[in-house]
Structure formats: C-alpha cells, structure tokens
C-alpha cells in the first residue's frame, strides 16, 4: 500500500522516511491529529478509513482537548471512550488551559 501524502510537519522528532504506516498506525494518527495540518488529517482519514481510526484512536495515550472533541464528533464517540480522557481525569493539570 502506498504511503499517504502528508507533510513531515507532525514528525519533527523521528525519521519520517523510515516510518512504517501500518505497524505504527496509532502513532501516526496521534501525531497527525495533534500536530498535523488539516490537509494531513484529511489524508490520514482517507488512508486509514474512519472505521479503522475509530477502533485505534480510542487507545491513544494523549490527544489535545480540541482534537479529542473533534474526534468525538466525526467518529460519533464519547470522551469516556478514550483512554487519554481517563488519563486526564487521573492526572489533572494544576491550571486549566
């Protein structure tokens, strides 16, 4: 399968050319939804498909709050379906951002 056409913007900390999009699918989804452009997010949604994203992204350890809200809307999920939401409740920040 061909790699999705996405920018390297979200992958500043790794070697993008060595990234395996199948073996590291959750990692790719997390990085693109948290730090990628809208164009990158659309490409990832087309590449993996919404049903696959729905199954995998709920296991994410970290998603920014706006990203979590967006994914709940497009995937028709509740915040409580996400591991990262439970992590946020267990480890609240000392300030509200």
PDB file of N, CA and C in Angstrom:
ATOM      1  N   UNK A   1       0.848  -1.186   0.000  1.00  0.00           N
ATOM      2  CA  UNK A   1       0.000   0.000   0.000  1.00  0.00           C
ATOM      3  C   UNK A   1       0.894   1.249   0.000  1.00  0.00           C
ATOM      4  N   UNK A   2       0.536   2.210  -0.783  1.00  0.00           N
ATOM      5  CA  UNK A   2       1.292   3.458  -0.854  1.00  0.00           C
ATOM      6  C   UNK A   2       1.103   4.275   0.424  1.00  0.00           C
ATOM      7  N   UNK A   3       2.126   5.030   0.779  1.00  0.00           N
ATOM      8  CA  UNK A   3       2.043   5.908   1.941  1.00  0.00           C
ATOM      9  C   UNK A   3       1.120   7.078   1.623  1.00  0.00           C
ATOM     10  N   UNK A   4       0.434   7.613   2.651  1.00  0.00           N
ATOM     11  CA  UNK A   4      -0.402   8.790   2.400  1.00  0.00           C
ATOM     12  C   UNK A   4       0.469   9.997   2.103  1.00  0.00           C
ATOM     13  N   UNK A   5      -0.062  10.902   1.335  1.00  0.00           N
ATOM     14  CA  UNK A   5       0.673  12.122   1.010  1.00  0.00           C
ATOM     15  C   UNK A   5       0.443  13.146   2.113  1.00  0.00           C
ATOM     16  N   UNK A   6       1.333  13.112   3.094  1.00  0.00           N
ATOM     17  CA  UNK A   6       1.249  14.052   4.205  1.00  0.00           C
ATOM     18  C   UNK A   6       2.588  14.751   4.376  1.00  0.00           C
ATOM     19  N   UNK A   7       2.541  15.900   5.029  1.00  0.00           N
ATOM     20  CA  UNK A   7       3.771  16.655   5.282  1.00  0.00           C
ATOM     21  C   UNK A   7       4.519  16.037   6.458  1.00  0.00           C
ATOM     22  N   UNK A   8       5.752  16.449   6.626  1.00  0.00           N
ATOM     23  CA  UNK A   8       6.575  15.972   7.744  1.00  0.00           C
ATOM     24  C   UNK A   8       6.381  16.836   8.984  1.00  0.00           C
ATOM     25  N   UNK A   9       5.487  17.781   8.910  1.00  0.00           N
ATOM     26  CA  UNK A   9       5.254  18.770   9.971  1.00  0.00           C
ATOM     27  C   UNK A   9       5.073  18.131  11.352  1.00  0.00           C
ATOM     28  N   UNK A  10       4.294  17.085  11.458  1.00  0.00           N
ATOM     29  CA  UNK A  10       3.998  16.465  12.750  1.00  0.00           C
ATOM     30  C   UNK A  10       5.084  15.497  13.204  1.00  0.00           C
ATOM     31  N   UNK A  11       6.039  15.226  12.348  1.00  0.00           N
ATOM     32  CA  UNK A  11       7.039  14.200  12.631  1.00  0.00           C
ATOM     33  C   UNK A  11       8.441  14.782  12.755  1.00  0.00           C
ATOM     34  N   UNK A  12       8.560  15.895  13.476  1.00  0.00           N
ATOM     35  CA  UNK A  12       9.842  16.576  13.632  1.00  0.00           C
ATOM     36  C   UNK A  12      10.837  15.756  14.451  1.00  0.00           C
ATOM     37  N   UNK A  13      10.338  14.810  15.262  1.00  0.00           N
ATOM     38  CA  UNK A  13      11.195  14.115  16.213  1.00  0.00           C
ATOM     39  C   UNK A  13      11.621  12.708  15.781  1.00  0.00           C
ATOM     40  N   UNK A  14      11.246  12.315  14.578  1.00  0.00           N
ATOM     41  CA  UNK A  14      11.613  10.969  14.101  1.00  0.00           C
ATOM     42  C   UNK A  14      12.090  11.054  12.656  1.00  0.00           C
ATOM     43  N   UNK A  15      12.607   9.936  12.171  1.00  0.00           N
ATOM     44  CA  UNK A  15      12.997   9.848  10.769  1.00  0.00           C
ATOM     45  C   UNK A  15      11.748   9.476   9.961  1.00  0.00           C
ATOM     46  N   UNK A  16      11.152  10.454   9.336  1.00  0.00           N
ATOM     47  CA  UNK A  16       9.890  10.267   8.614  1.00  0.00           C
ATOM     48  C   UNK A  16       9.999   9.208   7.526  1.00  0.00           C
ATOM     49  N   UNK A  17      11.128   9.151   6.831  1.00  0.00           N
ATOM     50  CA  UNK A  17      11.289   8.222   5.717  1.00  0.00           C
ATOM     51  C   UNK A  17      11.307   6.762   6.160  1.00  0.00           C
ATOM     52  N   UNK A  18      11.627   6.513   7.414  1.00  0.00           N
ATOM     53  CA  UNK A  18      11.678   5.139   7.932  1.00  0.00           C
ATOM     54  C   UNK A  18      10.379   4.724   8.617  1.00  0.00           C
ATOM     55  N   UNK A  19       9.423   5.608   8.674  1.00  0.00           N
ATOM     56  CA  UNK A  19       8.169   5.357   9.371  1.00  0.00           C
ATOM     57  C   UNK A  19       7.347   4.302   8.642  1.00  0.00           C
ATOM     58  N   UNK A  20       6.910   3.279   9.365  1.00  0.00           N
ATOM     59  CA  UNK A  20       6.048   2.234   8.819  1.00  0.00           C
ATOM     60  C   UNK A  20       4.606   2.602   9.176  1.00  0.00           C
ATOM     61  N   UNK A  21       3.834   2.988   8.180  1.00  0.00           N
ATOM     62  CA  UNK A  21       2.478   3.487   8.413  1.00  0.00           C
ATOM     63  C   UNK A  21       1.509   2.403   8.873  1.00  0.00           C
ATOM     64  N   UNK A  22       1.835   1.146   8.640  1.00  0.00           N
ATOM     65  CA  UNK A  22       0.971   0.055   9.092  1.00  0.00           C
ATOM     66  C   UNK A  22       1.317  -0.373  10.514  1.00  0.00           C
ATOM     67  N   UNK A  23       2.579  -0.607  10.781  1.00  0.00           N
ATOM     68  CA  UNK A  23       2.990  -1.055  12.111  1.00  0.00           C
ATOM     69  C   UNK A  23       2.822   0.032  13.160  1.00  0.00           C
ATOM     70  N   UNK A  24       2.934   1.267  12.759  1.00  0.00           N
ATOM     71  CA  UNK A  24       2.862   2.399  13.697  1.00  0.00           C
ATOM     72  C   UNK A  24       1.616   3.240  13.469  1.00  0.00           C
ATOM     73  N   UNK A  25       0.529   2.614  13.126  1.00  0.00           N
ATOM     74  CA  UNK A  25      -0.674   3.361  12.740  1.00  0.00           C
ATOM     75  C   UNK A  25      -1.205   4.256  13.852  1.00  0.00           C
ATOM     76  N   UNK A  26      -1.251   3.772  15.092  1.00  0.00           N
ATOM     77  CA  UNK A  26      -1.751   4.610  16.184  1.00  0.00           C
ATOM     78  C   UNK A  26      -0.832   5.809  16.407  1.00  0.00           C
ATOM     79  N   UNK A  27       0.471   5.587  16.356  1.00  0.00           N
ATOM     80  CA  UNK A  27       1.436   6.669  16.498  1.00  0.00           C
ATOM     81  C   UNK A  27       1.214   7.723  15.416  1.00  0.00           C
ATOM     82  N   UNK A  28       1.029   7.282  14.185  1.00  0.00           N
ATOM     83  CA  UNK A  28       0.810   8.204  13.063  1.00  0.00           C
ATOM     84  C   UNK A  28      -0.469   9.001  13.280  1.00  0.00           C
ATOM     85  N   UNK A  29      -1.527   8.320  13.667  1.00  0.00           N
ATOM     86  CA  UNK A  29      -2.806   9.002  13.906  1.00  0.00           C
ATOM     87  C   UNK A  29      -2.665  10.056  14.997  1.00  0.00           C
ATOM     88  N   UNK A  30      -2.034   9.690  16.109  1.00  0.00           N
ATOM     89  CA  UNK A  30      -1.850  10.640  17.210  1.00  0.00           C
ATOM     90  C   UNK A  30      -1.074  11.873  16.759  1.00  0.00           C
ATOM     91  N   UNK A  31       0.028  11.651  16.077  1.00  0.00           N
ATOM     92  CA  UNK A  31       0.875  12.766  15.645  1.00  0.00           C
ATOM     93  C   UNK A  31       0.136  13.675  14.668  1.00  0.00           C
ATOM     94  N   UNK A  32      -0.532  13.084  13.688  1.00  0.00           N
ATOM     95  CA  UNK A  32      -1.201  13.893  12.665  1.00  0.00           C
ATOM     96  C   UNK A  32      -2.381  14.659  13.247  1.00  0.00           C
ATOM     97  N   UNK A  33      -3.196  14.010  14.085  1.00  0.00           N
ATOM     98  CA  UNK A  33      -4.341  14.729  14.654  1.00  0.00           C
ATOM     99  C   UNK A  33      -3.902  15.794  15.652  1.00  0.00           C
ATOM    100  N   UNK A  34      -2.848  15.550  16.395  1.00  0.00           N
ATOM    101  CA  UNK A  34      -2.379  16.538  17.377  1.00  0.00           C
ATOM    102  C   UNK A  34      -1.581  17.677  16.754  1.00  0.00           C
ATOM    103  N   UNK A  35      -0.766  17.379  15.731  1.00  0.00           N
ATOM    104  CA  UNK A  35       0.186  18.380  15.248  1.00  0.00           C
ATOM    105  C   UNK A  35       0.176  18.610  13.738  1.00  0.00           C
ATOM    106  N   UNK A  36      -0.564  17.823  12.999  1.00  0.00           N
ATOM    107  CA  UNK A  36      -0.574  17.968  11.549  1.00  0.00           C
ATOM    108  C   UNK A  36      -1.524  19.046  11.065  1.00  0.00           C
ATOM    109  N   UNK A  37      -1.406  19.364   9.805  1.00  0.00           N
ATOM    110  CA  UNK A  37      -2.306  20.346   9.184  1.00  0.00           C
ATOM    111  C   UNK A  37      -3.647  19.678   8.872  1.00  0.00           C
ATOM    112  N   UNK A  38      -4.614  20.502   8.524  1.00  0.00           N
ATOM    113  CA  UNK A  38      -5.927  19.963   8.139  1.00  0.00           C
ATOM    114  C   UNK A  38      -5.783  19.033   6.930  1.00  0.00           C
ATOM    115  N   UNK A  39      -4.971  19.408   5.977  1.00  0.00           N
ATOM    116  CA  UNK A  39      -4.739  18.582   4.783  1.00  0.00           C
ATOM    117  C   UNK A  39      -4.156  17.219   5.179  1.00  0.00           C
ATOM    118  N   UNK A  40      -3.244  17.213   6.124  1.00  0.00           N
ATOM    119  CA  UNK A  40      -2.665  15.960   6.618  1.00  0.00           C
ATOM    120  C   UNK A  40      -3.732  15.099   7.291  1.00  0.00           C
ATOM    121  N   UNK A  41      -4.597  15.721   8.071  1.00  0.00           N
ATOM    122  CA  UNK A  41      -5.649  14.975   8.765  1.00  0.00           C
ATOM    123  C   UNK A  41      -6.617  14.328   7.774  1.00  0.00           C
ATOM    124  N   UNK A  42      -6.976  15.069   6.743  1.00  0.00           N
ATOM    125  CA  UNK A  42      -7.870  14.518   5.722  1.00  0.00           C
ATOM    126  C   UNK A  42      -7.202  13.340   5.017  1.00  0.00           C
ATOM    127  N   UNK A  43      -5.925  13.476   4.704  1.00  0.00           N
ATOM    128  CA  UNK A  43      -5.189  12.389   4.037  1.00  0.00           C
ATOM    129  C   UNK A  43      -5.136  11.141   4.911  1.00  0.00           C
ATOM    130  N   UNK A  44      -4.955  11.320   6.208  1.00  0.00           N
ATOM    131  CA  UNK A  44      -4.905  10.184   7.135  1.00  0.00           C
ATOM    132  C   UNK A  44      -6.282   9.527   7.234  1.00  0.00           C
ATOM    133  N   UNK A  45      -7.338  10.323   7.240  1.00  0.00           N
ATOM    134  CA  UNK A  45      -8.688   9.761   7.311  1.00  0.00           C
ATOM    135  C   UNK A  45      -9.001   8.941   6.062  1.00  0.00           C
ATOM    136  N   UNK A  46      -8.522   9.392   4.925  1.00  0.00           N
ATOM    137  CA  UNK A  46      -8.718   8.631   3.688  1.00  0.00           C
ATOM    138  C   UNK A  46      -7.853   7.375   3.669  1.00  0.00           C
ATOM    139  N   UNK A  47      -6.630   7.490   4.158  1.00  0.00           N
ATOM    140  CA  UNK A  47      -5.688   6.378   4.129  1.00  0.00           C
ATOM    141  C   UNK A  47      -6.134   5.227   5.044  1.00  0.00           C
ATOM    142  N   UNK A  48      -6.463   5.548   6.277  1.00  0.00           N
ATOM    143  CA  UNK A  48      -6.819   4.505   7.246  1.00  0.00           C
ATOM    144  C   UNK A  48      -8.314   4.164   7.255  1.00  0.00           C
ATOM    145  N   UNK A  49      -9.160   5.067   6.853  1.00  0.00           N
ATOM    146  CA  UNK A  49     -10.627   4.963   6.883  1.00  0.00           C
ATOM    147  C   UNK A  49     -11.143   5.235   8.301  1.00  0.00           C
ATOM    148  N   UNK A  50     -12.313   5.826   8.366  1.00  0.00           N
ATOM    149  CA  UNK A  50     -12.885   6.197   9.666  1.00  0.00           C
ATOM    150  C   UNK A  50     -13.143   4.995  10.577  1.00  0.00           C
ATOM    151  N   UNK A  51     -13.624   3.848  10.056  1.00  0.00           N
ATOM    152  CA  UNK A  51     -13.818   2.707  10.969  1.00  0.00           C
ATOM    153  C   UNK A  51     -12.515   2.250  11.638  1.00  0.00           C
ATOM    154  N   UNK A  52     -11.421   2.229  10.898  1.00  0.00           N
ATOM    155  CA  UNK A  52     -10.143   1.818  11.498  1.00  0.00           C
ATOM    156  C   UNK A  52      -9.658   2.864  12.501  1.00  0.00           C
ATOM    157  N   UNK A  53      -9.789   4.129  12.155  1.00  0.00           N
ATOM    158  CA  UNK A  53      -9.386   5.189  13.081  1.00  0.00           C
ATOM    159  C   UNK A  53     -10.212   5.081  14.360  1.00  0.00           C
ATOM    160  N   UNK A  54     -11.492   4.834  14.201  1.00  0.00           N
ATOM    161  CA  UNK A  54     -12.400   4.708  15.349  1.00  0.00           C
ATOM    162  C   UNK A  54     -11.945   3.592  16.288  1.00  0.00           C
ATOM    163  N   UNK A  55     -11.496   2.484  15.739  1.00  0.00           N
ATOM    164  CA  UNK A  55     -11.036   1.357  16.552  1.00  0.00           C
ATOM    165  C   UNK A  55      -9.710   1.629  17.256  1.00  0.00           C
ATOM    166  N   UNK A  56      -8.821   2.332  16.595  1.00  0.00           N
ATOM    167  CA  UNK A  56      -7.473   2.504  17.122  1.00  0.00           C
ATOM    168  C   UNK A  56      -7.269   3.762  17.958  1.00  0.00           C
ATOM    169  N   UNK A  57      -7.845   4.863  17.564  1.00  0.00           N
ATOM    170  CA  UNK A  57      -7.541   6.143  18.205  1.00  0.00           C
ATOM    171  C   UNK A  57      -8.034   6.191  19.656  1.00  0.00           C
ATOM    172  N   UNK A  58      -9.013   5.389  19.994  1.00  0.00           N
ATOM    173  CA  UNK A  58      -9.505   5.368  21.379  1.00  0.00           C
ATOM    174  C   UNK A  58      -8.437   4.868  22.351  1.00  0.00           C
ATOM    175  N   UNK A  59      -7.408   4.198  21.859  1.00  0.00           N
ATOM    176  CA  UNK A  59      -6.318   3.680  22.694  1.00  0.00           C
ATOM    177  C   UNK A  59      -5.214   4.710  22.906  1.00  0.00           C
ATOM    178  N   UNK A  60      -5.359   5.862  22.307  1.00  0.00           N
ATOM    179  CA  UNK A  60      -4.332   6.890  22.373  1.00  0.00           C
ATOM    180  C   UNK A  60      -4.058   7.331  23.811  1.00  0.00           C
ATOM    181  N   UNK A  61      -2.785   7.487  24.126  1.00  0.00           N
ATOM    182  CA  UNK A  61      -2.395   7.934  25.460  1.00  0.00           C
ATOM    183  C   UNK A  61      -2.546   9.446  25.612  1.00  0.00           C
ATOM    184  N   UNK A  62      -2.438  10.192  24.522  1.00  0.00           N
ATOM    185  CA  UNK A  62      -2.538  11.645  24.601  1.00  0.00           C
ATOM    186  C   UNK A  62      -3.166  12.223  23.345  1.00  0.00           C
ATOM    187  N   UNK A  63      -4.194  13.009  23.546  1.00  0.00           N
ATOM    188  CA  UNK A  63      -4.790  13.830  22.495  1.00  0.00           C
ATOM    189  C   UNK A  63      -5.100  15.184  23.116  1.00  0.00           C
ATOM    190  N   UNK A  64      -4.804  16.238  22.393  1.00  0.00           N
ATOM    191  CA  UNK A  64      -5.149  17.573  22.881  1.00  0.00           C
ATOM    192  C   UNK A  64      -6.664  17.689  23.007  1.00  0.00           C
ATOM    193  N   UNK A  65      -7.126  18.549  23.897  1.00  0.00           N
ATOM    194  CA  UNK A  65      -8.570  18.676  24.143  1.00  0.00           C
ATOM    195  C   UNK A  65      -9.376  19.010  22.881  1.00  0.00           C
ATOM    196  N   UNK A  66      -8.947  19.976  22.053  1.00  0.00           N
ATOM    197  CA  UNK A  66      -9.723  20.253  20.836  1.00  0.00           C
ATOM    198  C   UNK A  66      -9.737  19.058  19.878  1.00  0.00           C
ATOM    199  N   UNK A  67      -8.654  18.314  19.843  1.00  0.00           N
ATOM    200  CA  UNK A  67      -8.570  17.128  18.978  1.00  0.00           C
ATOM    201  C   UNK A  67      -9.536  16.060  19.481  1.00  0.00           C
ATOM    202  N   UNK A  68      -9.567  15.873  20.784  1.00  0.00           N
ATOM    203  CA  UNK A  68     -10.482  14.908  21.375  1.00  0.00           C
ATOM    204  C   UNK A  68     -11.930  15.266  21.042  1.00  0.00           C
ATOM    205  N   UNK A  69     -12.285  16.526  21.162  1.00  0.00           N
ATOM    206  CA  UNK A  69     -13.644  16.968  20.829  1.00  0.00           C
ATOM    207  C   UNK A  69     -13.958  16.740  19.355  1.00  0.00           C
ATOM    208  N   UNK A  70     -13.015  17.067  18.491  1.00  0.00           N
ATOM    209  CA  UNK A  70     -13.186  16.860  17.052  1.00  0.00           C
ATOM    210  C   UNK A  70     -13.403  15.381  16.734  1.00  0.00           C
ATOM    211  N   UNK A  71     -12.558  14.520  17.306  1.00  0.00           N
ATOM    212  CA  UNK A  71     -12.676  13.085  17.031  1.00  0.00           C
ATOM    213  C   UNK A  71     -13.978  12.512  17.576  1.00  0.00           C
ATOM    214  N   UNK A  72     -14.424  12.989  18.718  1.00  0.00           N
ATOM    215  CA  UNK A  72     -15.723  12.550  19.248  1.00  0.00           C
ATOM    216  C   UNK A  72     -16.840  12.876  18.263  1.00  0.00           C
ATOM    217  N   UNK A  73     -16.755  14.033  17.662  1.00  0.00           N
ATOM    218  CA  UNK A  73     -17.784  14.466  16.722  1.00  0.00           C
ATOM    219  C   UNK A  73     -17.764  13.652  15.440  1.00  0.00           C
ATOM    220  N   UNK A  74     -16.605  13.538  14.798  1.00  0.00           N
ATOM    221  CA  UNK A  74     -16.578  12.859  13.499  1.00  0.00           C
ATOM    222  C   UNK A  74     -16.692  11.344  13.613  1.00  0.00           C
ATOM    223  N   UNK A  75     -16.288  10.786  14.770  1.00  0.00           N
ATOM    224  CA  UNK A  75     -16.335   9.328  14.932  1.00  0.00           C
ATOM    225  C   UNK A  75     -17.545   8.872  15.737  1.00  0.00           C
ATOM    226  N   UNK A  76     -18.361   9.825  16.163  1.00  0.00           N
ATOM    227  CA  UNK A  76     -19.565   9.551  16.954  1.00  0.00           C
ATOM    228  C   UNK A  76     -19.230   8.719  18.195  1.00  0.00           C
ATOM    229  N   UNK A  77     -18.258   9.234  18.955  1.00  0.00           N
ATOM    230  CA  UNK A  77     -17.835   8.604  20.195  1.00  0.00           C
ATOM    231  C   UNK A  77     -18.026   9.577  21.346  1.00  0.00           C
ATOM    232  N   UNK A  78     -17.929   9.068  22.554  1.00  0.00           N
ATOM    233  CA  UNK A  78     -17.956   9.889  23.758  1.00  0.00           C
ATOM    234  C   UNK A  78     -16.526  10.041  24.267  1.00  0.00           C
ATOM    235  N   UNK A  79     -16.271  11.121  24.991  1.00  0.00           N
ATOM    236  CA  UNK A  79     -14.935  11.315  25.565  1.00  0.00           C
ATOM    237  C   UNK A  79     -14.535  10.130  26.435  1.00  0.00           C
ATOM    238  N   UNK A  80     -15.498   9.564  27.122  1.00  0.00           N
ATOM    239  CA  UNK A  80     -15.218   8.443  28.022  1.00  0.00           C
ATOM    240  C   UNK A  80     -14.780   7.179  27.287  1.00  0.00           C
ATOM    241  N   UNK A  81     -14.921   7.148  25.975  1.00  0.00           N
ATOM    242  CA  UNK A  81     -14.461   6.008  25.181  1.00  0.00           C
ATOM    243  C   UNK A  81     -12.941   6.032  24.991  1.00  0.00           C
ATOM    244  N   UNK A  82     -12.311   7.150  25.283  1.00  0.00           N
ATOM    245  CA  UNK A  82     -10.887   7.344  25.020  1.00  0.00           C
ATOM    246  C   UNK A  82     -10.037   7.111  26.270  1.00  0.00           C
ATOM    247  N   UNK A  83      -8.964   6.378  26.118  1.00  0.00           N
ATOM    248  CA  UNK A  83      -8.004   6.157  27.200  1.00  0.00           C
ATOM    249  C   UNK A  83      -7.416   7.480  27.674  1.00  0.00           C
ATOM    250  N   UNK A  84      -7.095   8.363  26.750  1.00  0.00           N
ATOM    251  CA  UNK A  84      -6.467   9.638  27.121  1.00  0.00           C
ATOM    252  C   UNK A  84      -7.391  10.483  27.995  1.00  0.00           C
ATOM    253  N   UNK A  85      -8.693  10.378  27.829  1.00  0.00           N
ATOM    254  CA  UNK A  85      -9.626  11.132  28.655  1.00  0.00           C
ATOM    255  C   UNK A  85      -9.539  10.661  30.106  1.00  0.00           C
ATOM    256  N   UNK A  86      -9.473   9.362  30.297  1.00  0.00           N
ATOM    257  CA  UNK A  86      -9.351   8.822  31.651  1.00  0.00           C
ATOM    258  C   UNK A  86      -8.009   9.210  32.270  1.00  0.00           C
ATOM    259  N   UNK A  87      -6.962   9.257  31.448  1.00  0.00           N
ATOM    260  CA  UNK A  87      -5.653   9.707  31.927  1.00  0.00           C
ATOM    261  C   UNK A  87      -5.708  11.162  32.377  1.00  0.00           C
ATOM    262  N   UNK A  88      -6.443  11.994  31.633  1.00  0.00           N
ATOM    263  CA  UNK A  88      -6.586  13.408  32.005  1.00  0.00           C
ATOM    264  C   UNK A  88      -7.275  13.546  33.360  1.00  0.00           C
ATOM    265  N   UNK A  89      -8.273  12.718  33.598  1.00  0.00           N
ATOM    266  CA  UNK A  89      -9.008  12.792  34.864  1.00  0.00           C
ATOM    267  C   UNK A  89      -8.140  12.317  36.027  1.00  0.00           C
ATOM    268  N   UNK A  90      -7.298  11.342  35.786  1.00  0.00           N
ATOM    269  CA  UNK A  90      -6.437  10.805  36.835  1.00  0.00           C
ATOM    270  C   UNK A  90      -5.254  11.712  37.147  1.00  0.00           C
ATOM    271  N   UNK A  91      -4.830  12.494  36.159  1.00  0.00           N
ATOM    272  CA  UNK A  91      -3.669  13.366  36.312  1.00  0.00           C
ATOM    273  C   UNK A  91      -4.012  14.802  35.907  1.00  0.00           C
ATOM    274  N   UNK A  92      -4.840  15.489  36.681  1.00  0.00           N
ATOM    275  CA  UNK A  92      -5.228  16.854  36.277  1.00  0.00           C
ATOM    276  C   UNK A  92      -4.040  17.814  36.368  1.00  0.00           C
ATOM    277  N   UNK A  93      -4.029  18.765  35.468  1.00  0.00           N
ATOM    278  CA  UNK A  93      -3.009  19.797  35.487  1.00  0.00           C
ATOM    279  C   UNK A  93      -3.342  20.811  36.575  1.00  0.00           C
ATOM    280  N   UNK A  94      -2.336  21.470  37.134  1.00  0.00           N
ATOM    281  CA  UNK A  94      -2.619  22.454  38.185  1.00  0.00           C
ATOM    282  C   UNK A  94      -3.266  23.730  37.652  1.00  0.00           C
ATOM    283  N   UNK A  95      -3.368  23.873  36.371  1.00  0.00           N
ATOM    284  CA  UNK A  95      -4.023  25.032  35.769  1.00  0.00           C
ATOM    285  C   UNK A  95      -4.945  24.553  34.655  1.00  0.00           C
ATOM    286  N   UNK A  96      -5.947  25.315  34.367  1.00  0.00           N
ATOM    287  CA  UNK A  96      -6.892  24.980  33.313  1.00  0.00           C
ATOM    288  C   UNK A  96      -6.554  25.802  32.087  1.00  0.00           C
ATOM    289  N   UNK A  97      -6.217  25.151  30.994  1.00  0.00           N
ATOM    290  CA  UNK A  97      -5.864  25.877  29.771  1.00  0.00           C
ATOM    291  C   UNK A  97      -6.933  25.755  28.719  1.00  0.00           C
TER     292      UNK A  97
END
